[in-house]
């Protein structure tokens, strides 16, 4: 389910208080954070937040709150829409739907 929040920063602050402390990046077929690499089969998307730019489509972003299936990691992934979004495999893309 997508939630619409006021700002990305406010939502990140709220999620940090809920324990989503890791900042993950998309690496084509997985999520990475430091030495940690999570494949699509190793995490769940807990919440999705969409942010729309008021005047510039390049300001549009989507925020995912994710947690590892083993319960050891909780974090966030921020991505853009359209041509600005990160390249990823179909399996990873399916996970974010």
Protein backbone atom coordinates (compact mmCIF):
# COMPACT_ATOMS: atom_id res chain seq x y z
CA UNK A 1 0.00 0.00 0.00
CA UNK A 2 1.35 3.40 -0.94
CA UNK A 3 1.22 6.22 1.57
CA UNK A 4 1.42 9.88 0.64
CA UNK A 5 3.35 11.97 3.14
CA UNK A 6 4.21 15.66 3.30
CA UNK A 7 7.94 15.46 2.70
CA UNK A 8 10.59 12.82 2.18
CA UNK A 9 12.66 14.18 5.09
CA UNK A 10 9.73 14.02 7.54
CA UNK A 11 8.94 10.47 6.50
CA UNK A 12 12.59 9.39 6.83
CA UNK A 13 12.69 10.86 10.35
CA UNK A 14 9.51 8.97 11.28
CA UNK A 15 10.87 5.70 9.92
CA UNK A 16 14.20 6.15 11.75
CA UNK A 17 12.25 6.38 15.01
CA UNK A 18 10.54 3.10 14.04
CA UNK A 19 13.92 1.37 13.66
CA UNK A 20 14.54 1.70 9.92
CA UNK A 21 18.13 2.83 10.37
CA UNK A 22 19.99 1.39 7.37
CA UNK A 23 20.29 3.25 4.05
CA UNK A 24 20.14 0.74 1.22
CA UNK A 25 21.07 1.37 -2.40
CA UNK A 26 19.87 -0.54 -5.42
CA UNK A 27 22.54 -2.57 -7.19
CA UNK A 28 20.87 -4.03 -10.27
CA UNK A 29 19.97 -7.40 -8.68
CA UNK A 30 20.13 -6.65 -4.95
CA UNK A 31 20.16 -4.05 -2.19
CA UNK A 32 23.46 -3.03 -0.66
CA UNK A 33 24.43 -1.20 2.51
CA UNK A 34 28.09 -1.24 3.47
CA UNK A 35 29.16 -4.90 3.51
CA UNK A 36 25.57 -6.16 3.48
CA UNK A 37 23.93 -7.41 0.29
CA UNK A 38 20.27 -8.49 0.28
CA UNK A 39 18.80 -10.45 -2.61
CA UNK A 40 15.05 -10.10 -3.33
CA UNK A 41 14.40 -13.40 -1.54
CA UNK A 42 16.01 -12.02 1.65
CA UNK A 43 13.83 -8.97 2.38
CA UNK A 44 10.26 -7.73 2.49
CA UNK A 45 8.87 -4.31 1.66
CA UNK A 46 7.00 -3.18 4.78
CA UNK A 47 5.77 0.21 3.59
CA UNK A 48 5.86 2.31 0.43
CA UNK A 49 5.67 6.11 0.28
CA UNK A 50 5.34 8.15 -2.88
CA UNK A 51 6.39 11.79 -3.24
CA UNK A 52 5.36 13.91 -6.19
CA UNK A 53 7.22 17.05 -7.22
CA UNK A 54 5.04 20.14 -7.29
CA UNK A 55 6.58 21.63 -10.43
CA UNK A 56 9.38 19.38 -11.61
CA UNK A 57 8.80 15.70 -12.52
CA UNK A 58 12.44 14.96 -11.63
CA UNK A 59 11.49 15.67 -7.99
CA UNK A 60 9.26 12.58 -7.88
CA UNK A 61 10.54 9.85 -5.57
CA UNK A 62 9.45 6.66 -3.92
CA UNK A 63 10.58 5.50 -0.49
CA UNK A 64 10.50 1.87 0.60
CA UNK A 65 10.76 0.75 4.23
CA UNK A 66 12.28 -2.74 4.12
CA UNK A 67 13.27 -5.42 6.58
CA UNK A 68 15.39 -8.52 6.18
CA UNK A 69 13.61 -11.83 6.59
CA UNK A 70 16.00 -12.84 9.36
CA UNK A 71 14.85 -9.79 11.36
CA UNK A 72 18.35 -8.36 11.79
CA UNK A 73 18.06 -5.34 9.47
CA UNK A 74 15.53 -2.61 8.87
CA UNK A 75 16.19 0.23 6.48
CA UNK A 76 15.06 2.43 3.65
CA UNK A 77 15.50 2.62 -0.11
CA UNK A 78 14.83 5.84 -2.01
CA UNK A 79 14.41 5.75 -5.78
CA UNK A 80 13.26 8.12 -8.51
CA UNK A 81 10.60 7.56 -11.14
CA UNK A 82 10.90 7.06 -14.88
CA UNK A 83 14.17 7.74 -16.67
CA UNK A 84 15.78 8.81 -13.39
CA UNK A 85 15.15 5.50 -11.62
CA UNK A 86 17.91 2.98 -10.94
CA UNK A 87 18.32 -0.03 -13.25
CA UNK A 88 17.24 -3.29 -11.62
CA UNK A 89 16.39 -6.85 -12.53
CA UNK A 90 12.80 -7.96 -13.08
CA UNK A 91 12.93 -9.97 -9.85
CA UNK A 92 13.95 -6.92 -7.82
CA UNK A 93 11.44 -4.72 -9.63
CA UNK A 94 8.67 -7.21 -8.82
CA UNK A 95 9.58 -7.02 -5.13
CA UNK A 96 8.96 -3.26 -5.15
CA UNK A 97 5.49 -3.45 -6.76
